[in-house]
Structures are given as C-alpha cells and as structure tokens.
Amino acid sequence: MFNALRMAALTAALAAASTGAFASTNGTAVYGKAVASANAQRTVTLTAATAGVNVDNGDTVEFKTASGERFTWHFDTLTGESAFHLAKIAPAGSVDPKVVVYVGANPLYR
C-alpha cells in the first residue's frame, strides 16, 4: 500500500513538472521576478544602441527604456549562468527584442 501511494505521488509530481505547474504562467519564473523599484541595486538605461546587458545572478536592476518606461527585475536564474532576450521579462513592446541579458554566476558563491 505504501509503495502504491508513493508511486501515485511521484506520478503526480512528474505530471505537474511536465505541464509547467511549477513555473509562472508567462514562463518568467525561471529568470527571476519583477520587484518594486525601491529594491534596485543599480539602474540600466536602454538606448537604441544597447545590444546586451551584463548582470549577476541575485542582482536587482531597474531598467529605463528609451520611451521612459521603467521596470525592475530581480535575477534569480535556475542555473548559475544564462543568457536570454530582455523582451521575455520586460513589459510588452517596451524594449528591442534583440537586447540580450547575460546573467553571470553570483560572485558570492564563486
């Protein structure tokens, strides 16, 4: 009986993981989360010439767009290092979809 119960729990967990139940509905949870601007450690101004932004895992950064929009993001990636398009976490249409965020390993854990 115990093994059957354990197998049912394992099957349910695997099914939830495969359907993305552990991620947010828009998939941004793997990159971190939006936070209040008061939590920002630094500000990055995005211009038409911005091709990429370097951050460390654990950083909280406020982004200012060319149109004057602002959003703040706490980077908490599942892996120590990663790269992704900033448009995945930015408000829709606020940044150039070609801008890449390069997330380095947190220096506190090197």
PDB file of N, CA and C in Angstrom:
ATOM      1  N   MET A   1       0.816  -1.197   0.000  1.00  0.00           N
ATOM      2  CA  MET A   1       0.000   0.000   0.000  1.00  0.00           C
ATOM      3  C   MET A   1       0.862   1.264   0.000  1.00  0.00           C
ATOM      4  N   PHE A   2       1.913   1.248   0.843  1.00  0.00           N
ATOM      5  CA  PHE A   2       2.792   2.408   0.919  1.00  0.00           C
ATOM      6  C   PHE A   2       3.463   2.670  -0.426  1.00  0.00           C
ATOM      7  N   ASN A   3       3.936   1.614  -1.092  1.00  0.00           N
ATOM      8  CA  ASN A   3       4.590   1.781  -2.390  1.00  0.00           C
ATOM      9  C   ASN A   3       3.628   2.335  -3.436  1.00  0.00           C
ATOM     10  N   ALA A   4       2.376   1.907  -3.398  1.00  0.00           N
ATOM     11  CA  ALA A   4       1.383   2.410  -4.355  1.00  0.00           C
ATOM     12  C   ALA A   4       1.127   3.899  -4.116  1.00  0.00           C
ATOM     13  N   LEU A   5       1.066   4.298  -2.869  1.00  0.00           N
ATOM     14  CA  LEU A   5       0.861   5.707  -2.523  1.00  0.00           C
ATOM     15  C   LEU A   5       2.061   6.555  -2.950  1.00  0.00           C
ATOM     16  N   ARG A   6       3.251   6.031  -2.705  1.00  0.00           N
ATOM     17  CA  ARG A   6       4.464   6.743  -3.097  1.00  0.00           C
ATOM     18  C   ARG A   6       4.541   6.877  -4.620  1.00  0.00           C
ATOM     19  N   MET A   7       4.164   5.818  -5.340  1.00  0.00           N
ATOM     20  CA  MET A   7       4.186   5.851  -6.804  1.00  0.00           C
ATOM     21  C   MET A   7       3.167   6.861  -7.332  1.00  0.00           C
ATOM     22  N   ALA A   8       2.006   6.944  -6.700  1.00  0.00           N
ATOM     23  CA  ALA A   8       0.988   7.911  -7.127  1.00  0.00           C
ATOM     24  C   ALA A   8       1.483   9.340  -6.918  1.00  0.00           C
ATOM     25  N   ALA A   9       2.154   9.594  -5.801  1.00  0.00           N
ATOM     26  CA  ALA A   9       2.684  10.930  -5.520  1.00  0.00           C
ATOM     27  C   ALA A   9       3.774  11.299  -6.519  1.00  0.00           C
ATOM     28  N   LEU A  10       4.638  10.339  -6.841  1.00  0.00           N
ATOM     29  CA  LEU A  10       5.700  10.582  -7.808  1.00  0.00           C
ATOM     30  C   LEU A  10       5.129  10.859  -9.191  1.00  0.00           C
ATOM     31  N   THR A  11       4.123  10.107  -9.588  1.00  0.00           N
ATOM     32  CA  THR A  11       3.478  10.310 -10.888  1.00  0.00           C
ATOM     33  C   THR A  11       2.838  11.691 -10.958  1.00  0.00           C
ATOM     34  N   ALA A  12       2.176  12.111  -9.893  1.00  0.00           N
ATOM     35  CA  ALA A  12       1.543  13.432  -9.867  1.00  0.00           C
ATOM     36  C   ALA A  12       2.588  14.534  -9.953  1.00  0.00           C
ATOM     37  N   ALA A  13       3.716  14.376  -9.264  1.00  0.00           N
ATOM     38  CA  ALA A  13       4.771  15.381  -9.308  1.00  0.00           C
ATOM     39  C   ALA A  13       5.377  15.485 -10.697  1.00  0.00           C
ATOM     40  N   LEU A  14       5.605  14.358 -11.336  1.00  0.00           N
ATOM     41  CA  LEU A  14       6.152  14.365 -12.689  1.00  0.00           C
ATOM     42  C   LEU A  14       5.177  14.988 -13.683  1.00  0.00           C
ATOM     43  N   ALA A  15       3.902  14.713 -13.519  1.00  0.00           N
ATOM     44  CA  ALA A  15       2.892  15.297 -14.405  1.00  0.00           C
ATOM     45  C   ALA A  15       2.834  16.810 -14.228  1.00  0.00           C
ATOM     46  N   ALA A  16       2.918  17.282 -12.998  1.00  0.00           N
ATOM     47  CA  ALA A  16       2.898  18.724 -12.736  1.00  0.00           C
ATOM     48  C   ALA A  16       4.131  19.395 -13.331  1.00  0.00           C
ATOM     49  N   ALA A  17       5.282  18.750 -13.218  1.00  0.00           N
ATOM     50  CA  ALA A  17       6.511  19.323 -13.763  1.00  0.00           C
ATOM     51  C   ALA A  17       6.460  19.384 -15.283  1.00  0.00           C
ATOM     52  N   SER A  18       5.906  18.375 -15.905  1.00  0.00           N
ATOM     53  CA  SER A  18       5.869  18.354 -17.363  1.00  0.00           C
ATOM     54  C   SER A  18       4.865  19.352 -17.933  1.00  0.00           C
ATOM     55  N   THR A  19       3.865  19.728 -17.155  1.00  0.00           N
ATOM     56  CA  THR A  19       2.887  20.712 -17.631  1.00  0.00           C
ATOM     57  C   THR A  19       3.283  22.139 -17.261  1.00  0.00           C
ATOM     58  N   GLY A  20       4.410  22.299 -16.550  1.00  0.00           N
ATOM     59  CA  GLY A  20       4.866  23.637 -16.192  1.00  0.00           C
ATOM     60  C   GLY A  20       4.160  24.203 -14.974  1.00  0.00           C
ATOM     61  N   ALA A  21       3.584  23.358 -14.140  1.00  0.00           N
ATOM     62  CA  ALA A  21       2.848  23.842 -12.974  1.00  0.00           C
ATOM     63  C   ALA A  21       3.759  24.549 -11.976  1.00  0.00           C
ATOM     64  N   PHE A  22       5.070  24.311 -12.053  1.00  0.00           N
ATOM     65  CA  PHE A  22       5.983  24.928 -11.111  1.00  0.00           C
ATOM     66  C   PHE A  22       6.503  26.265 -11.620  1.00  0.00           C
ATOM     67  N   ALA A  23       6.177  26.658 -12.826  1.00  0.00           N
ATOM     68  CA  ALA A  23       6.619  27.940 -13.392  1.00  0.00           C
ATOM     69  C   ALA A  23       5.432  28.887 -13.435  1.00  0.00           C
ATOM     70  N   SER A  24       5.734  30.151 -13.591  1.00  0.00           N
ATOM     71  CA  SER A  24       4.644  31.108 -13.707  1.00  0.00           C
ATOM     72  C   SER A  24       3.955  30.930 -15.052  1.00  0.00           C
ATOM     73  N   THR A  25       2.800  31.528 -15.200  1.00  0.00           N
ATOM     74  CA  THR A  25       2.032  31.339 -16.427  1.00  0.00           C
ATOM     75  C   THR A  25       2.718  31.924 -17.651  1.00  0.00           C
ATOM     76  N   ASN A  26       3.564  32.935 -17.474  1.00  0.00           N
ATOM     77  CA  ASN A  26       4.246  33.502 -18.638  1.00  0.00           C
ATOM     78  C   ASN A  26       5.675  33.001 -18.784  1.00  0.00           C
ATOM     79  N   GLY A  27       6.108  32.067 -17.942  1.00  0.00           N
ATOM     80  CA  GLY A  27       7.422  31.462 -18.072  1.00  0.00           C
ATOM     81  C   GLY A  27       8.572  32.285 -17.532  1.00  0.00           C
ATOM     82  N   THR A  28       8.321  33.415 -16.900  1.00  0.00           N
ATOM     83  CA  THR A  28       9.410  34.259 -16.431  1.00  0.00           C
ATOM     84  C   THR A  28      10.002  33.791 -15.116  1.00  0.00           C
ATOM     85  N   ALA A  29       9.371  32.866 -14.426  1.00  0.00           N
ATOM     86  CA  ALA A  29       9.863  32.432 -13.121  1.00  0.00           C
ATOM     87  C   ALA A  29      11.279  31.861 -13.211  1.00  0.00           C
ATOM     88  N   VAL A  30      11.650  31.306 -14.343  1.00  0.00           N
ATOM     89  CA  VAL A  30      12.993  30.748 -14.480  1.00  0.00           C
ATOM     90  C   VAL A  30      14.057  31.833 -14.567  1.00  0.00           C
ATOM     91  N   TYR A  31      13.652  33.081 -14.751  1.00  0.00           N
ATOM     92  CA  TYR A  31      14.586  34.198 -14.847  1.00  0.00           C
ATOM     93  C   TYR A  31      14.598  35.069 -13.595  1.00  0.00           C
ATOM     94  N   GLY A  32      13.666  34.892 -12.698  1.00  0.00           N
ATOM     95  CA  GLY A  32      13.548  35.717 -11.504  1.00  0.00           C
ATOM     96  C   GLY A  32      12.155  36.282 -11.389  1.00  0.00           C
ATOM     97  N   LYS A  33      12.054  37.512 -10.864  1.00  0.00           N
ATOM     98  CA  LYS A  33      10.723  38.098 -10.687  1.00  0.00           C
ATOM     99  C   LYS A  33      10.782  39.610 -10.700  1.00  0.00           C
ATOM    100  N   ALA A  34       9.664  40.204 -11.050  1.00  0.00           N
ATOM    101  CA  ALA A  34       9.524  41.655 -11.004  1.00  0.00           C
ATOM    102  C   ALA A  34       9.420  42.084  -9.548  1.00  0.00           C
ATOM    103  N   VAL A  35      10.064  43.193  -9.226  1.00  0.00           N
ATOM    104  CA  VAL A  35      10.034  43.710  -7.857  1.00  0.00           C
ATOM    105  C   VAL A  35       9.831  45.220  -7.900  1.00  0.00           C
ATOM    106  N   ALA A  36       9.616  45.805  -6.744  1.00  0.00           N
ATOM    107  CA  ALA A  36       9.439  47.264  -6.646  1.00  0.00           C
ATOM    108  C   ALA A  36      10.754  47.966  -6.941  1.00  0.00           C
ATOM    109  N   SER A  37      10.670  49.129  -7.544  1.00  0.00           N
ATOM    110  CA  SER A  37      11.879  49.863  -7.940  1.00  0.00           C
ATOM    111  C   SER A  37      12.734  50.268  -6.740  1.00  0.00           C
ATOM    112  N   ALA A  38      12.142  50.350  -5.566  1.00  0.00           N
ATOM    113  CA  ALA A  38      12.910  50.704  -4.366  1.00  0.00           C
ATOM    114  C   ALA A  38      13.958  49.648  -4.036  1.00  0.00           C
ATOM    115  N   ASN A  39      13.799  48.440  -4.572  1.00  0.00           N
ATOM    116  CA  ASN A  39      14.735  47.350  -4.290  1.00  0.00           C
ATOM    117  C   ASN A  39      15.937  47.322  -5.228  1.00  0.00           C
ATOM    118  N   ALA A  40      15.946  48.191  -6.232  1.00  0.00           N
ATOM    119  CA  ALA A  40      17.006  48.160  -7.255  1.00  0.00           C
ATOM    120  C   ALA A  40      18.367  48.485  -6.662  1.00  0.00           C
ATOM    121  N   GLN A  41      19.377  47.724  -7.088  1.00  0.00           N
ATOM    122  CA  GLN A  41      20.753  47.965  -6.680  1.00  0.00           C
ATOM    123  C   GLN A  41      21.458  48.874  -7.679  1.00  0.00           C
ATOM    124  N   ARG A  42      20.956  48.875  -8.910  1.00  0.00           N
ATOM    125  CA  ARG A  42      21.512  49.746  -9.944  1.00  0.00           C
ATOM    126  C   ARG A  42      20.474  49.979 -11.027  1.00  0.00           C
ATOM    127  N   THR A  43      20.736  50.983 -11.864  1.00  0.00           N
ATOM    128  CA  THR A  43      19.820  51.327 -12.947  1.00  0.00           C
ATOM    129  C   THR A  43      20.561  51.212 -14.271  1.00  0.00           C
ATOM    130  N   VAL A  44      19.909  50.604 -15.248  1.00  0.00           N
ATOM    131  CA  VAL A  44      20.464  50.476 -16.597  1.00  0.00           C
ATOM    132  C   VAL A  44      19.534  51.233 -17.538  1.00  0.00           C
ATOM    133  N   THR A  45      20.093  52.187 -18.282  1.00  0.00           N
ATOM    134  CA  THR A  45      19.317  52.934 -19.276  1.00  0.00           C
ATOM    135  C   THR A  45      19.515  52.269 -20.624  1.00  0.00           C
ATOM    136  N   LEU A  46      18.419  51.855 -21.223  1.00  0.00           N
ATOM    137  CA  LEU A  46      18.458  51.184 -22.516  1.00  0.00           C
ATOM    138  C   LEU A  46      18.322  52.214 -23.624  1.00  0.00           C
ATOM    139  N   THR A  47      19.211  52.163 -24.601  1.00  0.00           N
ATOM    140  CA  THR A  47      19.152  53.058 -25.756  1.00  0.00           C
ATOM    141  C   THR A  47      19.017  52.205 -27.012  1.00  0.00           C
ATOM    142  N   ALA A  48      18.909  52.864 -28.149  1.00  0.00           N
ATOM    143  CA  ALA A  48      18.826  52.143 -29.419  1.00  0.00           C
ATOM    144  C   ALA A  48      20.108  51.360 -29.691  1.00  0.00           C
ATOM    145  N   ALA A  49      21.219  51.780 -29.112  1.00  0.00           N
ATOM    146  CA  ALA A  49      22.499  51.110 -29.328  1.00  0.00           C
ATOM    147  C   ALA A  49      22.747  49.944 -28.372  1.00  0.00           C
ATOM    148  N   THR A  50      21.882  49.756 -27.379  1.00  0.00           N
ATOM    149  CA  THR A  50      22.074  48.685 -26.405  1.00  0.00           C
ATOM    150  C   THR A  50      21.851  47.329 -27.061  1.00  0.00           C
ATOM    151  N   ALA A  51      22.886  46.502 -27.042  1.00  0.00           N
ATOM    152  CA  ALA A  51      22.781  45.154 -27.615  1.00  0.00           C
ATOM    153  C   ALA A  51      22.687  44.105 -26.525  1.00  0.00           C
ATOM    154  N   GLY A  52      23.260  44.411 -25.355  1.00  0.00           N
ATOM    155  CA  GLY A  52      23.247  43.447 -24.269  1.00  0.00           C
ATOM    156  C   GLY A  52      23.474  44.112 -22.932  1.00  0.00           C
ATOM    157  N   VAL A  53      23.105  43.401 -21.879  1.00  0.00           N
ATOM    158  CA  VAL A  53      23.252  43.885 -20.511  1.00  0.00           C
ATOM    159  C   VAL A  53      23.856  42.753 -19.691  1.00  0.00           C
ATOM    160  N   ASN A  54      24.889  43.056 -18.916  1.00  0.00           N
ATOM    161  CA  ASN A  54      25.504  42.070 -18.031  1.00  0.00           C
ATOM    162  C   ASN A  54      25.001  42.265 -16.609  1.00  0.00           C
ATOM    163  N   VAL A  55      24.536  41.183 -16.005  1.00  0.00           N
ATOM    164  CA  VAL A  55      24.103  41.188 -14.604  1.00  0.00           C
ATOM    165  C   VAL A  55      24.639  39.924 -13.953  1.00  0.00           C
ATOM    166  N   ASP A  56      24.581  39.885 -12.637  1.00  0.00           N
ATOM    167  CA  ASP A  56      24.922  38.670 -11.899  1.00  0.00           C
ATOM    168  C   ASP A  56      23.655  38.067 -11.327  1.00  0.00           C
ATOM    169  N   ASN A  57      23.638  36.774 -11.190  1.00  0.00           N
ATOM    170  CA  ASN A  57      22.522  36.091 -10.552  1.00  0.00           C
ATOM    171  C   ASN A  57      22.370  36.664  -9.143  1.00  0.00           C
ATOM    172  N   GLY A  58      21.193  37.100  -8.794  1.00  0.00           N
ATOM    173  CA  GLY A  58      20.942  37.724  -7.494  1.00  0.00           C
ATOM    174  C   GLY A  58      20.852  39.238  -7.558  1.00  0.00           C
ATOM    175  N   ASP A  59      21.261  39.840  -8.679  1.00  0.00           N
ATOM    176  CA  ASP A  59      21.165  41.299  -8.837  1.00  0.00           C
ATOM    177  C   ASP A  59      19.709  41.730  -8.976  1.00  0.00           C
ATOM    178  N   THR A  60      19.434  42.949  -8.521  1.00  0.00           N
ATOM    179  CA  THR A  60      18.140  43.582  -8.730  1.00  0.00           C
ATOM    180  C   THR A  60      18.400  44.868  -9.500  1.00  0.00           C
ATOM    181  N   VAL A  61      17.862  44.932 -10.725  1.00  0.00           N
ATOM    182  CA  VAL A  61      18.196  46.014 -11.649  1.00  0.00           C
ATOM    183  C   VAL A  61      16.933  46.718 -12.119  1.00  0.00           C
ATOM    184  N   GLU A  62      16.984  48.055 -12.103  1.00  0.00           N
ATOM    185  CA  GLU A  62      15.905  48.843 -12.687  1.00  0.00           C
ATOM    186  C   GLU A  62      16.315  49.181 -14.123  1.00  0.00           C
ATOM    187  N   PHE A  63      15.427  48.936 -15.069  1.00  0.00           N
ATOM    188  CA  PHE A  63      15.673  49.246 -16.470  1.00  0.00           C
ATOM    189  C   PHE A  63      14.843  50.461 -16.850  1.00  0.00           C
ATOM    190  N   LYS A  64      15.485  51.439 -17.509  1.00  0.00           N
ATOM    191  CA  LYS A  64      14.801  52.609 -18.054  1.00  0.00           C
ATOM    192  C   LYS A  64      14.871  52.478 -19.571  1.00  0.00           C
ATOM    193  N   THR A  65      13.726  52.483 -20.221  1.00  0.00           N
ATOM    194  CA  THR A  65      13.691  52.346 -21.669  1.00  0.00           C
ATOM    195  C   THR A  65      13.777  53.713 -22.345  1.00  0.00           C
ATOM    196  N   ALA A  66      14.036  53.707 -23.646  1.00  0.00           N
ATOM    197  CA  ALA A  66      14.135  54.952 -24.410  1.00  0.00           C
ATOM    198  C   ALA A  66      12.827  55.733 -24.390  1.00  0.00           C
ATOM    199  N   SER A  67      11.702  55.010 -24.244  1.00  0.00           N
ATOM    200  CA  SER A  67      10.395  55.671 -24.217  1.00  0.00           C
ATOM    201  C   SER A  67      10.025  56.184 -22.822  1.00  0.00           C
ATOM    202  N   GLY A  68      10.915  55.971 -21.844  1.00  0.00           N
ATOM    203  CA  GLY A  68      10.652  56.467 -20.493  1.00  0.00           C
ATOM    204  C   GLY A  68      10.025  55.453 -19.555  1.00  0.00           C
ATOM    205  N   GLU A  69       9.716  54.269 -20.047  1.00  0.00           N
ATOM    206  CA  GLU A  69       9.156  53.238 -19.164  1.00  0.00           C
ATOM    207  C   GLU A  69      10.243  52.711 -18.241  1.00  0.00           C
ATOM    208  N   ARG A  70       9.812  52.243 -17.085  1.00  0.00           N
ATOM    209  CA  ARG A  70      10.733  51.662 -16.100  1.00  0.00           C
ATOM    210  C   ARG A  70      10.150  50.344 -15.607  1.00  0.00           C
ATOM    211  N   PHE A  71      11.042  49.386 -15.394  1.00  0.00           N
ATOM    212  CA  PHE A  71      10.647  48.149 -14.725  1.00  0.00           C
ATOM    213  C   PHE A  71      11.858  47.621 -13.979  1.00  0.00           C
ATOM    214  N   THR A  72      11.611  46.939 -12.880  1.00  0.00           N
ATOM    215  CA  THR A  72      12.688  46.444 -12.030  1.00  0.00           C
ATOM    216  C   THR A  72      12.581  44.931 -11.924  1.00  0.00           C
ATOM    217  N   TRP A  73      13.726  44.280 -12.052  1.00  0.00           N
ATOM    218  CA  TRP A  73      13.765  42.820 -12.080  1.00  0.00           C
ATOM    219  C   TRP A  73      14.836  42.294 -11.141  1.00  0.00           C
ATOM    220  N   HIS A  74      14.466  41.269 -10.345  1.00  0.00           N
ATOM    221  CA  HIS A  74      15.425  40.549  -9.506  1.00  0.00           C
ATOM    222  C   HIS A  74      15.789  39.274 -10.249  1.00  0.00           C
ATOM    223  N   PHE A  75      17.058  39.141 -10.640  1.00  0.00           N
ATOM    224  CA  PHE A  75      17.511  37.990 -11.411  1.00  0.00           C
ATOM    225  C   PHE A  75      17.786  36.821 -10.487  1.00  0.00           C
ATOM    226  N   ASP A  76      17.101  35.732 -10.747  1.00  0.00           N
ATOM    227  CA  ASP A  76      17.243  34.504  -9.963  1.00  0.00           C
ATOM    228  C   ASP A  76      17.066  33.339 -10.929  1.00  0.00           C
ATOM    229  N   THR A  77      18.105  33.093 -11.713  1.00  0.00           N
ATOM    230  CA  THR A  77      18.022  32.042 -12.718  1.00  0.00           C
ATOM    231  C   THR A  77      18.258  30.686 -12.087  1.00  0.00           C
ATOM    232  N   LEU A  78      17.739  29.667 -12.730  1.00  0.00           N
ATOM    233  CA  LEU A  78      17.872  28.313 -12.209  1.00  0.00           C
ATOM    234  C   LEU A  78      19.298  27.799 -12.323  1.00  0.00           C
ATOM    235  N   THR A  79      20.030  28.293 -13.306  1.00  0.00           N
ATOM    236  CA  THR A  79      21.429  27.905 -13.454  1.00  0.00           C
ATOM    237  C   THR A  79      22.290  29.091 -13.061  1.00  0.00           C
ATOM    238  N   GLY A  80      23.537  28.845 -12.781  1.00  0.00           N
ATOM    239  CA  GLY A  80      24.423  29.919 -12.363  1.00  0.00           C
ATOM    240  C   GLY A  80      24.642  30.955 -13.443  1.00  0.00           C
ATOM    241  N   GLU A  81      24.669  30.540 -14.694  1.00  0.00           N
ATOM    242  CA  GLU A  81      24.905  31.453 -15.801  1.00  0.00           C
ATOM    243  C   GLU A  81      23.890  31.169 -16.895  1.00  0.00           C
ATOM    244  N   SER A  82      23.419  32.211 -17.537  1.00  0.00           N
ATOM    245  CA  SER A  82      22.489  32.023 -18.644  1.00  0.00           C
ATOM    246  C   SER A  82      22.412  33.304 -19.450  1.00  0.00           C
ATOM    247  N   ALA A  83      21.760  33.208 -20.587  1.00  0.00           N
ATOM    248  CA  ALA A  83      21.524  34.380 -21.432  1.00  0.00           C
ATOM    249  C   ALA A  83      20.134  34.235 -22.037  1.00  0.00           C
ATOM    250  N   PHE A  84      19.417  35.347 -22.124  1.00  0.00           N
ATOM    251  CA  PHE A  84      18.081  35.332 -22.712  1.00  0.00           C
ATOM    252  C   PHE A  84      17.747  36.740 -23.189  1.00  0.00           C
ATOM    253  N   HIS A  85      16.724  36.836 -24.009  1.00  0.00           N
ATOM    254  CA  HIS A  85      16.298  38.137 -24.527  1.00  0.00           C
ATOM    255  C   HIS A  85      15.541  38.907 -23.448  1.00  0.00           C
ATOM    256  N   LEU A  86      15.907  40.166 -23.282  1.00  0.00           N
ATOM    257  CA  LEU A  86      15.292  41.029 -22.263  1.00  0.00           C
ATOM    258  C   LEU A  86      13.786  41.147 -22.468  1.00  0.00           C
ATOM    259  N   ALA A  87      13.333  41.045 -23.704  1.00  0.00           N
ATOM    260  CA  ALA A  87      11.899  41.162 -24.005  1.00  0.00           C
ATOM    261  C   ALA A  87      11.076  40.078 -23.304  1.00  0.00           C
ATOM    262  N   LYS A  88      11.708  38.983 -22.886  1.00  0.00           N
ATOM    263  CA  LYS A  88      10.974  37.922 -22.183  1.00  0.00           C
ATOM    264  C   LYS A  88      10.481  38.370 -20.814  1.00  0.00           C
ATOM    265  N   ILE A  89      11.158  39.348 -20.215  1.00  0.00           N
ATOM    266  CA  ILE A  89      10.772  39.789 -18.873  1.00  0.00           C
ATOM    267  C   ILE A  89      10.265  41.224 -18.843  1.00  0.00           C
ATOM    268  N   ALA A  90      10.492  41.969 -19.915  1.00  0.00           N
ATOM    269  CA  ALA A  90      10.085  43.373 -19.973  1.00  0.00           C
ATOM    270  C   ALA A  90       8.601  43.493 -20.308  1.00  0.00           C
ATOM    271  N   PRO A  91       7.992  44.626 -19.949  1.00  0.00           N
ATOM    272  CA  PRO A  91       6.607  44.861 -20.375  1.00  0.00           C
ATOM    273  C   PRO A  91       6.524  44.789 -21.906  1.00  0.00           C
ATOM    274  N   ALA A  92       5.443  44.264 -22.393  1.00  0.00           N
ATOM    275  CA  ALA A  92       5.265  44.036 -23.833  1.00  0.00           C
ATOM    276  C   ALA A  92       5.545  45.292 -24.652  1.00  0.00           C
ATOM    277  N   GLY A  93       6.428  45.149 -25.649  1.00  0.00           N
ATOM    278  CA  GLY A  93       6.722  46.235 -26.564  1.00  0.00           C
ATOM    279  C   GLY A  93       7.616  47.341 -26.031  1.00  0.00           C
ATOM    280  N   SER A  94       8.146  47.200 -24.824  1.00  0.00           N
ATOM    281  CA  SER A  94       8.925  48.292 -24.234  1.00  0.00           C
ATOM    282  C   SER A  94      10.403  48.260 -24.592  1.00  0.00           C
ATOM    283  N   VAL A  95      10.923  47.104 -24.999  1.00  0.00           N
ATOM    284  CA  VAL A  95      12.350  47.008 -25.332  1.00  0.00           C
ATOM    285  C   VAL A  95      12.536  46.332 -26.686  1.00  0.00           C
ATOM    286  N   ASP A  96      13.689  46.588 -27.289  1.00  0.00           N
ATOM    287  CA  ASP A  96      14.052  45.952 -28.545  1.00  0.00           C
ATOM    288  C   ASP A  96      14.179  44.445 -28.298  1.00  0.00           C
ATOM    289  N   PRO A  97      13.508  43.633 -29.086  1.00  0.00           N
ATOM    290  CA  PRO A  97      13.549  42.187 -28.856  1.00  0.00           C
ATOM    291  C   PRO A  97      14.924  41.565 -29.073  1.00  0.00           C
ATOM    292  N   LYS A  98      15.876  42.329 -29.602  1.00  0.00           N
ATOM    293  CA  LYS A  98      17.221  41.793 -29.846  1.00  0.00           C
ATOM    294  C   LYS A  98      18.165  41.961 -28.655  1.00  0.00           C
ATOM    295  N   VAL A  99      17.781  42.765 -27.656  1.00  0.00           N
ATOM    296  CA  VAL A  99      18.641  43.005 -26.497  1.00  0.00           C
ATOM    297  C   VAL A  99      18.714  41.728 -25.660  1.00  0.00           C
ATOM    298  N   VAL A 100      19.948  41.319 -25.359  1.00  0.00           N
ATOM    299  CA  VAL A 100      20.177  40.080 -24.612  1.00  0.00           C
ATOM    300  C   VAL A 100      20.678  40.413 -23.215  1.00  0.00           C
ATOM    301  N   VAL A 101      20.191  39.666 -22.217  1.00  0.00           N
ATOM    302  CA  VAL A 101      20.679  39.775 -20.848  1.00  0.00           C
ATOM    303  C   VAL A 101      21.625  38.605 -20.613  1.00  0.00           C
ATOM    304  N   TYR A 102      22.825  38.913 -20.174  1.00  0.00           N
ATOM    305  CA  TYR A 102      23.811  37.884 -19.848  1.00  0.00           C
ATOM    306  C   TYR A 102      23.910  37.812 -18.328  1.00  0.00           C
ATOM    307  N   VAL A 103      23.494  36.683 -17.762  1.00  0.00           N
ATOM    308  CA  VAL A 103      23.479  36.515 -16.313  1.00  0.00           C
ATOM    309  C   VAL A 103      24.690  35.685 -15.910  1.00  0.00           C
ATOM    310  N   GLY A 104      25.583  36.308 -15.162  1.00  0.00           N
ATOM    311  CA  GLY A 104      26.772  35.613 -14.671  1.00  0.00           C
ATOM    312  C   GLY A 104      26.501  34.994 -13.303  1.00  0.00           C
ATOM    313  N   ALA A 105      27.363  34.084 -12.913  1.00  0.00           N
ATOM    314  CA  ALA A 105      27.247  33.450 -11.600  1.00  0.00           C
ATOM    315  C   ALA A 105      27.420  34.511 -10.517  1.00  0.00           C
ATOM    316  N   ASN A 106      26.712  34.348  -9.424  1.00  0.00           N
ATOM    317  CA  ASN A 106      26.809  35.280  -8.311  1.00  0.00           C
ATOM    318  C   ASN A 106      28.212  35.212  -7.711  1.00  0.00           C
ATOM    319  N   PRO A 107      28.921  36.334  -7.620  1.00  0.00           N
ATOM    320  CA  PRO A 107      30.294  36.303  -7.094  1.00  0.00           C
ATOM    321  C   PRO A 107      30.375  35.846  -5.644  1.00  0.00           C
ATOM    322  N   LEU A 108      29.292  35.943  -4.904  1.00  0.00           N
ATOM    323  CA  LEU A 108      29.308  35.464  -3.514  1.00  0.00           C
ATOM    324  C   LEU A 108      29.447  33.954  -3.429  1.00  0.00           C
ATOM    325  N   TYR A 109      29.114  33.252  -4.497  1.00  0.00           N
ATOM    326  CA  TYR A 109      29.143  31.791  -4.485  1.00  0.00           C
ATOM    327  C   TYR A 109      30.229  31.205  -5.361  1.00  0.00           C
ATOM    328  N   ARG A 110      31.148  32.033  -5.828  1.00  0.00           N
ATOM    329  CA  ARG A 110      32.255  31.535  -6.678  1.00  0.00           C
ATOM    330  C   ARG A 110      33.319  30.904  -5.842  1.00  0.00           C
TER     331      ARG A 110
END
